[in-house]
Amino acid sequence: MLKPQSLTGRVIRAPYAPGSKSEHQAVLLEVGSRRYKLRLPGGNPFHDPALEALVGRTICGTGQLTEATFLISSWEEVPAGD
């Protein structure tokens, strides 16, 4: 089992896996120069209204990180300027 981690970044909507059969628009967490696909445990991997509502916000989230996906279990919005 993966150890829980905290990541802080901006939530964006952007192409995921361009050029592959899995290519689609996804909600991503942009952390520095890296981007991770956001997913909720047990959530729909292609569309999740709770994650869609975070687009454009900066958050600090806790979850399990794989190479390309952040399985987010909780988050808090980071106020602008912090």
PDB file of N, CA and C in Angstrom:
ATOM      1  N   MET A   1       0.831  -1.183   0.000  1.00  0.00           N
ATOM      2  CA  MET A   1       0.000   0.000   0.000  1.00  0.00           C
ATOM      3  C   MET A   1       0.878   1.250   0.000  1.00  0.00           C
ATOM      4  N   LEU A   2       0.457   2.251  -0.729  1.00  0.00           N
ATOM      5  CA  LEU A   2       1.224   3.486  -0.825  1.00  0.00           C
ATOM      6  C   LEU A   2       1.014   4.353   0.405  1.00  0.00           C
ATOM      7  N   LYS A   3       2.065   5.064   0.790  1.00  0.00           N
ATOM      8  CA  LYS A   3       2.019   5.959   1.942  1.00  0.00           C
ATOM      9  C   LYS A   3       1.306   7.260   1.548  1.00  0.00           C
ATOM     10  N   PRO A   4       0.399   7.773   2.392  1.00  0.00           N
ATOM     11  CA  PRO A   4      -0.266   9.042   2.090  1.00  0.00           C
ATOM     12  C   PRO A   4       0.744  10.179   1.978  1.00  0.00           C
ATOM     13  N   GLN A   5       0.497  11.072   1.040  1.00  0.00           N
ATOM     14  CA  GLN A   5       1.350  12.233   0.818  1.00  0.00           C
ATOM     15  C   GLN A   5       0.488  13.473   0.710  1.00  0.00           C
ATOM     16  N   SER A   6       1.099  14.619   0.942  1.00  0.00           N
ATOM     17  CA  SER A   6       0.418  15.896   0.742  1.00  0.00           C
ATOM     18  C   SER A   6       1.072  16.616  -0.423  1.00  0.00           C
ATOM     19  N   LEU A   7       0.241  17.162  -1.311  1.00  0.00           N
ATOM     20  CA  LEU A   7       0.719  17.941  -2.441  1.00  0.00           C
ATOM     21  C   LEU A   7      -0.057  19.246  -2.499  1.00  0.00           C
ATOM     22  N   THR A   8       0.618  20.309  -2.875  1.00  0.00           N
ATOM     23  CA  THR A   8      -0.032  21.603  -3.059  1.00  0.00           C
ATOM     24  C   THR A   8       0.189  22.039  -4.499  1.00  0.00           C
ATOM     25  N   GLY A   9      -0.897  22.435  -5.154  1.00  0.00           N
ATOM     26  CA  GLY A   9      -0.777  22.875  -6.537  1.00  0.00           C
ATOM     27  C   GLY A   9      -2.080  23.450  -7.043  1.00  0.00           C
ATOM     28  N   ARG A  10      -2.062  23.830  -8.308  1.00  0.00           N
ATOM     29  CA  ARG A  10      -3.223  24.430  -8.964  1.00  0.00           C
ATOM     30  C   ARG A  10      -3.978  23.348  -9.726  1.00  0.00           C
ATOM     31  N   VAL A  11      -5.293  23.346  -9.591  1.00  0.00           N
ATOM     32  CA  VAL A  11      -6.133  22.371 -10.287  1.00  0.00           C
ATOM     33  C   VAL A  11      -6.489  22.945 -11.656  1.00  0.00           C
ATOM     34  N   ILE A  12      -6.213  22.161 -12.697  1.00  0.00           N
ATOM     35  CA  ILE A  12      -6.460  22.595 -14.078  1.00  0.00           C
ATOM     36  C   ILE A  12      -7.238  21.517 -14.816  1.00  0.00           C
ATOM     37  N   ARG A  13      -7.770  21.893 -15.965  1.00  0.00           N
ATOM     38  CA  ARG A  13      -8.404  20.937 -16.881  1.00  0.00           C
ATOM     39  C   ARG A  13      -7.563  20.971 -18.147  1.00  0.00           C
ATOM     40  N   ALA A  14      -7.055  19.812 -18.546  1.00  0.00           N
ATOM     41  CA  ALA A  14      -6.145  19.752 -19.687  1.00  0.00           C
ATOM     42  C   ALA A  14      -6.193  18.356 -20.310  1.00  0.00           C
ATOM     43  N   PRO A  15      -5.654  18.227 -21.544  1.00  0.00           N
ATOM     44  CA  PRO A  15      -5.596  16.898 -22.171  1.00  0.00           C
ATOM     45  C   PRO A  15      -4.733  15.952 -21.333  1.00  0.00           C
ATOM     46  N   TYR A  16      -5.184  14.706 -21.248  1.00  0.00           N
ATOM     47  CA  TYR A  16      -4.448  13.670 -20.527  1.00  0.00           C
ATOM     48  C   TYR A  16      -4.140  12.532 -21.495  1.00  0.00           C
ATOM     49  N   ALA A  17      -2.929  12.040 -21.468  1.00  0.00           N
ATOM     50  CA  ALA A  17      -2.458  10.947 -22.336  1.00  0.00           C
ATOM     51  C   ALA A  17      -2.659  11.262 -23.815  1.00  0.00           C
ATOM     52  N   PRO A  18      -2.202  12.466 -24.264  1.00  0.00           N
ATOM     53  CA  PRO A  18      -2.395  12.827 -25.677  1.00  0.00           C
ATOM     54  C   PRO A  18      -1.754  11.818 -26.629  1.00  0.00           C
ATOM     55  N   GLY A  19      -2.481  11.527 -27.690  1.00  0.00           N
ATOM     56  CA  GLY A  19      -1.993  10.608 -28.716  1.00  0.00           C
ATOM     57  C   GLY A  19      -2.249   9.137 -28.418  1.00  0.00           C
ATOM     58  N   SER A  20      -2.829   8.842 -27.260  1.00  0.00           N
ATOM     59  CA  SER A  20      -3.102   7.442 -26.928  1.00  0.00           C
ATOM     60  C   SER A  20      -4.601   7.161 -27.034  1.00  0.00           C
ATOM     61  N   LYS A  21      -4.970   5.896 -26.922  1.00  0.00           N
ATOM     62  CA  LYS A  21      -6.384   5.530 -26.928  1.00  0.00           C
ATOM     63  C   LYS A  21      -7.103   6.085 -25.696  1.00  0.00           C
ATOM     64  N   SER A  22      -6.343   6.388 -24.651  1.00  0.00           N
ATOM     65  CA  SER A  22      -6.911   6.902 -23.399  1.00  0.00           C
ATOM     66  C   SER A  22      -7.002   8.422 -23.358  1.00  0.00           C
ATOM     67  N   GLU A  23      -6.668   9.092 -24.452  1.00  0.00           N
ATOM     68  CA  GLU A  23      -6.665  10.557 -24.457  1.00  0.00           C
ATOM     69  C   GLU A  23      -8.053  11.107 -24.120  1.00  0.00           C
ATOM     70  N   HIS A  24      -8.090  12.061 -23.183  1.00  0.00           N
ATOM     71  CA  HIS A  24      -9.330  12.740 -22.817  1.00  0.00           C
ATOM     72  C   HIS A  24      -8.991  13.996 -22.014  1.00  0.00           C
ATOM     73  N   GLN A  25      -9.969  14.879 -21.854  1.00  0.00           N
ATOM     74  CA  GLN A  25      -9.812  16.044 -20.994  1.00  0.00           C
ATOM     75  C   GLN A  25      -9.941  15.560 -19.556  1.00  0.00           C
ATOM     76  N   ALA A  26      -9.031  15.973 -18.700  1.00  0.00           N
ATOM     77  CA  ALA A  26      -9.036  15.492 -17.321  1.00  0.00           C
ATOM     78  C   ALA A  26      -8.750  16.632 -16.355  1.00  0.00           C
ATOM     79  N   VAL A  27      -9.114  16.409 -15.104  1.00  0.00           N
ATOM     80  CA  VAL A  27      -8.782  17.341 -14.028  1.00  0.00           C
ATOM     81  C   VAL A  27      -7.420  16.916 -13.499  1.00  0.00           C
ATOM     82  N   LEU A  28      -6.470  17.856 -13.533  1.00  0.00           N
ATOM     83  CA  LEU A  28      -5.095  17.573 -13.141  1.00  0.00           C
ATOM     84  C   LEU A  28      -4.662  18.501 -12.024  1.00  0.00           C
ATOM     85  N   LEU A  29      -3.719  18.047 -11.211  1.00  0.00           N
ATOM     86  CA  LEU A  29      -3.088  18.888 -10.207  1.00  0.00           C
ATOM     87  C   LEU A  29      -1.706  19.241 -10.734  1.00  0.00           C
ATOM     88  N   GLU A  30      -1.474  20.524 -10.922  1.00  0.00           N
ATOM     89  CA  GLU A  30      -0.200  21.017 -11.438  1.00  0.00           C
ATOM     90  C   GLU A  30       0.663  21.431 -10.250  1.00  0.00           C
ATOM     91  N   VAL A  31       1.755  20.685 -10.065  1.00  0.00           N
ATOM     92  CA  VAL A  31       2.677  20.916  -8.954  1.00  0.00           C
ATOM     93  C   VAL A  31       4.043  21.220  -9.567  1.00  0.00           C
ATOM     94  N   GLY A  32       4.401  22.500  -9.591  1.00  0.00           N
ATOM     95  CA  GLY A  32       5.641  22.872 -10.267  1.00  0.00           C
ATOM     96  C   GLY A  32       5.544  22.526 -11.745  1.00  0.00           C
ATOM     97  N   SER A  33       6.495  21.753 -12.254  1.00  0.00           N
ATOM     98  CA  SER A  33       6.484  21.359 -13.662  1.00  0.00           C
ATOM     99  C   SER A  33       5.789  20.012 -13.886  1.00  0.00           C
ATOM    100  N   ARG A  34       5.286  19.386 -12.820  1.00  0.00           N
ATOM    101  CA  ARG A  34       4.623  18.087 -12.925  1.00  0.00           C
ATOM    102  C   ARG A  34       3.113  18.238 -12.910  1.00  0.00           C
ATOM    103  N   ARG A  35       2.444  17.308 -13.555  1.00  0.00           N
ATOM    104  CA  ARG A  35       0.979  17.251 -13.560  1.00  0.00           C
ATOM    105  C   ARG A  35       0.540  15.843 -13.209  1.00  0.00           C
ATOM    106  N   TYR A  36      -0.434  15.755 -12.303  1.00  0.00           N
ATOM    107  CA  TYR A  36      -0.969  14.468 -11.877  1.00  0.00           C
ATOM    108  C   TYR A  36      -2.475  14.462 -12.094  1.00  0.00           C
ATOM    109  N   LYS A  37      -2.986  13.377 -12.643  1.00  0.00           N
ATOM    110  CA  LYS A  37      -4.430  13.242 -12.801  1.00  0.00           C
ATOM    111  C   LYS A  37      -5.043  13.069 -11.421  1.00  0.00           C
ATOM    112  N   LEU A  38      -6.086  13.857 -11.130  1.00  0.00           N
ATOM    113  CA  LEU A  38      -6.771  13.750  -9.846  1.00  0.00           C
ATOM    114  C   LEU A  38      -7.900  12.734  -9.934  1.00  0.00           C
ATOM    115  N   ARG A  39      -7.986  11.885  -8.906  1.00  0.00           N
ATOM    116  CA  ARG A  39      -9.094  10.928  -8.801  1.00  0.00           C
ATOM    117  C   ARG A  39      -9.488  10.802  -7.348  1.00  0.00           C
ATOM    118  N   LEU A  40     -10.760  10.591  -7.111  1.00  0.00           N
ATOM    119  CA  LEU A  40     -11.258  10.270  -5.783  1.00  0.00           C
ATOM    120  C   LEU A  40     -11.349   8.758  -5.651  1.00  0.00           C
ATOM    121  N   PRO A  41     -11.056   8.204  -4.474  1.00  0.00           N
ATOM    122  CA  PRO A  41     -11.204   6.753  -4.298  1.00  0.00           C
ATOM    123  C   PRO A  41     -12.632   6.325  -4.633  1.00  0.00           C
ATOM    124  N   GLY A  42     -12.767   5.380  -5.534  1.00  0.00           N
ATOM    125  CA  GLY A  42     -14.076   4.886  -5.944  1.00  0.00           C
ATOM    126  C   GLY A  42     -14.816   5.800  -6.896  1.00  0.00           C
ATOM    127  N   GLY A  43     -14.205   6.933  -7.256  1.00  0.00           N
ATOM    128  CA  GLY A  43     -14.854   7.889  -8.147  1.00  0.00           C
ATOM    129  C   GLY A  43     -14.715   7.517  -9.611  1.00  0.00           C
ATOM    130  N   ASN A  44     -15.520   8.168 -10.438  1.00  0.00           N
ATOM    131  CA  ASN A  44     -15.451   7.967 -11.882  1.00  0.00           C
ATOM    132  C   ASN A  44     -14.107   8.493 -12.380  1.00  0.00           C
ATOM    133  N   PRO A  45     -13.328   7.683 -13.100  1.00  0.00           N
ATOM    134  CA  PRO A  45     -12.009   8.129 -13.548  1.00  0.00           C
ATOM    135  C   PRO A  45     -12.051   9.166 -14.676  1.00  0.00           C
ATOM    136  N   PHE A  46     -13.217   9.346 -15.307  1.00  0.00           N
ATOM    137  CA  PHE A  46     -13.295  10.276 -16.434  1.00  0.00           C
ATOM    138  C   PHE A  46     -14.059  11.554 -16.125  1.00  0.00           C
ATOM    139  N   HIS A  47     -14.951  11.533 -15.145  1.00  0.00           N
ATOM    140  CA  HIS A  47     -15.708  12.744 -14.814  1.00  0.00           C
ATOM    141  C   HIS A  47     -16.182  12.667 -13.369  1.00  0.00           C
ATOM    142  N   ASP A  48     -15.742  13.627 -12.568  1.00  0.00           N
ATOM    143  CA  ASP A  48     -16.157  13.675 -11.174  1.00  0.00           C
ATOM    144  C   ASP A  48     -16.526  15.117 -10.835  1.00  0.00           C
ATOM    145  N   PRO A  49     -17.806  15.395 -10.596  1.00  0.00           N
ATOM    146  CA  PRO A  49     -18.247  16.766 -10.333  1.00  0.00           C
ATOM    147  C   PRO A  49     -17.520  17.432  -9.159  1.00  0.00           C
ATOM    148  N   ALA A  50     -17.172  16.666  -8.130  1.00  0.00           N
ATOM    149  CA  ALA A  50     -16.474  17.250  -6.975  1.00  0.00           C
ATOM    150  C   ALA A  50     -15.101  17.773  -7.378  1.00  0.00           C
ATOM    151  N   LEU A  51     -14.409  17.048  -8.244  1.00  0.00           N
ATOM    152  CA  LEU A  51     -13.093  17.494  -8.707  1.00  0.00           C
ATOM    153  C   LEU A  51     -13.219  18.596  -9.751  1.00  0.00           C
ATOM    154  N   GLU A  52     -14.231  18.505 -10.603  1.00  0.00           N
ATOM    155  CA  GLU A  52     -14.462  19.560 -11.603  1.00  0.00           C
ATOM    156  C   GLU A  52     -14.650  20.915 -10.926  1.00  0.00           C
ATOM    157  N   ALA A  53     -15.278  20.926  -9.751  1.00  0.00           N
ATOM    158  CA  ALA A  53     -15.540  22.170  -9.028  1.00  0.00           C
ATOM    159  C   ALA A  53     -14.255  22.824  -8.521  1.00  0.00           C
ATOM    160  N   LEU A  54     -13.155  22.087  -8.499  1.00  0.00           N
ATOM    161  CA  LEU A  54     -11.880  22.627  -8.014  1.00  0.00           C
ATOM    162  C   LEU A  54     -11.052  23.301  -9.103  1.00  0.00           C
ATOM    163  N   VAL A  55     -11.434  23.146 -10.359  1.00  0.00           N
ATOM    164  CA  VAL A  55     -10.651  23.715 -11.467  1.00  0.00           C
ATOM    165  C   VAL A  55     -10.492  25.222 -11.265  1.00  0.00           C
ATOM    166  N   GLY A  56      -9.251  25.671 -11.379  1.00  0.00           N
ATOM    167  CA  GLY A  56      -8.922  27.084 -11.222  1.00  0.00           C
ATOM    168  C   GLY A  56      -8.506  27.453  -9.807  1.00  0.00           C
ATOM    169  N   ARG A  57      -8.590  26.518  -8.885  1.00  0.00           N
ATOM    170  CA  ARG A  57      -8.242  26.789  -7.489  1.00  0.00           C
ATOM    171  C   ARG A  57      -6.885  26.174  -7.145  1.00  0.00           C
ATOM    172  N   THR A  58      -6.253  26.715  -6.125  1.00  0.00           N
ATOM    173  CA  THR A  58      -5.033  26.130  -5.579  1.00  0.00           C
ATOM    174  C   THR A  58      -5.432  25.382  -4.319  1.00  0.00           C
ATOM    175  N   ILE A  59      -4.990  24.131  -4.236  1.00  0.00           N
ATOM    176  CA  ILE A  59      -5.364  23.292  -3.099  1.00  0.00           C
ATOM    177  C   ILE A  59      -4.139  22.624  -2.485  1.00  0.00           C
ATOM    178  N   CYS A  60      -4.299  22.198  -1.257  1.00  0.00           N
ATOM    179  CA  CYS A  60      -3.352  21.298  -0.601  1.00  0.00           C
ATOM    180  C   CYS A  60      -4.130  20.020  -0.356  1.00  0.00           C
ATOM    181  N   GLY A  61      -3.716  18.946  -0.986  1.00  0.00           N
ATOM    182  CA  GLY A  61      -4.449  17.696  -0.886  1.00  0.00           C
ATOM    183  C   GLY A  61      -3.624  16.589  -0.274  1.00  0.00           C
ATOM    184  N   THR A  62      -4.311  15.641   0.317  1.00  0.00           N
ATOM    185  CA  THR A  62      -3.676  14.454   0.887  1.00  0.00           C
ATOM    186  C   THR A  62      -4.227  13.239   0.161  1.00  0.00           C
ATOM    187  N   GLY A  63      -3.335  12.327  -0.179  1.00  0.00           N
ATOM    188  CA  GLY A  63      -3.755  11.124  -0.872  1.00  0.00           C
ATOM    189  C   GLY A  63      -2.573  10.244  -1.209  1.00  0.00           C
ATOM    190  N   GLN A  64      -2.802   9.330  -2.133  1.00  0.00           N
ATOM    191  CA  GLN A  64      -1.763   8.405  -2.555  1.00  0.00           C
ATOM    192  C   GLN A  64      -1.316   8.767  -3.968  1.00  0.00           C
ATOM    193  N   LEU A  65      -0.017   8.892  -4.118  1.00  0.00           N
ATOM    194  CA  LEU A  65       0.573   9.319  -5.380  1.00  0.00           C
ATOM    195  C   LEU A  65       1.201   8.144  -6.107  1.00  0.00           C
ATOM    196  N   THR A  66       0.811   7.975  -7.371  1.00  0.00           N
ATOM    197  CA  THR A  66       1.496   7.024  -8.248  1.00  0.00           C
ATOM    198  C   THR A  66       2.278   7.870  -9.238  1.00  0.00           C
ATOM    199  N   GLU A  67       2.827   7.252 -10.235  1.00  0.00           N
ATOM    200  CA  GLU A  67       3.633   7.993 -11.212  1.00  0.00           C
ATOM    201  C   GLU A  67       2.844   9.109 -11.894  1.00  0.00           C
ATOM    202  N   ALA A  68       1.571   8.863 -12.216  1.00  0.00           N
ATOM    203  CA  ALA A  68       0.800   9.843 -12.981  1.00  0.00           C
ATOM    204  C   ALA A  68      -0.530  10.239 -12.351  1.00  0.00           C
ATOM    205  N   THR A  69      -0.920   9.611 -11.244  1.00  0.00           N
ATOM    206  CA  THR A  69      -2.237   9.851 -10.644  1.00  0.00           C
ATOM    207  C   THR A  69      -2.096  10.179  -9.166  1.00  0.00           C
ATOM    208  N   PHE A  70      -2.882  11.161  -8.718  1.00  0.00           N
ATOM    209  CA  PHE A  70      -2.973  11.484  -7.299  1.00  0.00           C
ATOM    210  C   PHE A  70      -4.372  11.104  -6.860  1.00  0.00           C
ATOM    211  N   LEU A  71      -4.464  10.009  -6.106  1.00  0.00           N
ATOM    212  CA  LEU A  71      -5.736   9.517  -5.583  1.00  0.00           C
ATOM    213  C   LEU A  71      -6.009  10.304  -4.302  1.00  0.00           C
ATOM    214  N   ILE A  72      -6.751  11.392  -4.457  1.00  0.00           N
ATOM    215  CA  ILE A  72      -6.908  12.385  -3.402  1.00  0.00           C
ATOM    216  C   ILE A  72      -8.049  12.002  -2.467  1.00  0.00           C
ATOM    217  N   SER A  73      -7.770  12.020  -1.152  1.00  0.00           N
ATOM    218  CA  SER A  73      -8.784  11.642  -0.173  1.00  0.00           C
ATOM    219  C   SER A  73      -9.354  12.856   0.566  1.00  0.00           C
ATOM    220  N   SER A  74      -8.567  13.935   0.661  1.00  0.00           N
ATOM    221  CA  SER A  74      -9.033  15.159   1.301  1.00  0.00           C
ATOM    222  C   SER A  74      -8.232  16.337   0.762  1.00  0.00           C
ATOM    223  N   TRP A  75      -8.815  17.531   0.882  1.00  0.00           N
ATOM    224  CA  TRP A  75      -8.119  18.726   0.407  1.00  0.00           C
ATOM    225  C   TRP A  75      -8.662  19.953   1.102  1.00  0.00           C
ATOM    226  N   GLU A  76      -7.857  21.016   1.048  1.00  0.00           N
ATOM    227  CA  GLU A  76      -8.253  22.333   1.514  1.00  0.00           C
ATOM    228  C   GLU A  76      -7.812  23.335   0.471  1.00  0.00           C
ATOM    229  N   GLU A  77      -8.633  24.341   0.243  1.00  0.00           N
ATOM    230  CA  GLU A  77      -8.246  25.385  -0.686  1.00  0.00           C
ATOM    231  C   GLU A  77      -7.209  26.278  -0.019  1.00  0.00           C
ATOM    232  N   VAL A  78      -6.189  26.659  -0.791  1.00  0.00           N
ATOM    233  CA  VAL A  78      -5.138  27.549  -0.313  1.00  0.00           C
ATOM    234  C   VAL A  78      -5.526  28.966  -0.730  1.00  0.00           C
ATOM    235  N   PRO A  79      -5.682  29.866   0.228  1.00  0.00           N
ATOM    236  CA  PRO A  79      -6.052  31.242  -0.123  1.00  0.00           C
ATOM    237  C   PRO A  79      -5.013  31.884  -1.036  1.00  0.00           C
ATOM    238  N   ALA A  80      -5.470  32.754  -1.923  1.00  0.00           N
ATOM    239  CA  ALA A  80      -4.562  33.454  -2.846  1.00  0.00           C
ATOM    240  C   ALA A  80      -3.507  34.212  -2.042  1.00  0.00           C
ATOM    241  N   GLY A  81      -2.273  34.153  -2.524  1.00  0.00           N
ATOM    242  CA  GLY A  81      -1.177  34.865  -1.873  1.00  0.00           C
ATOM    243  C   GLY A  81      -0.425  34.038  -0.872  1.00  0.00           C
ATOM    244  N   ASP A  82      -0.884  32.833  -0.566  1.00  0.00           N
ATOM    245  CA  ASP A  82      -0.176  31.972   0.383  1.00  0.00           C
ATOM    246  C   ASP A  82       0.798  31.069  -0.334  1.00  0.00           C
TER     247      ASP A  82
END
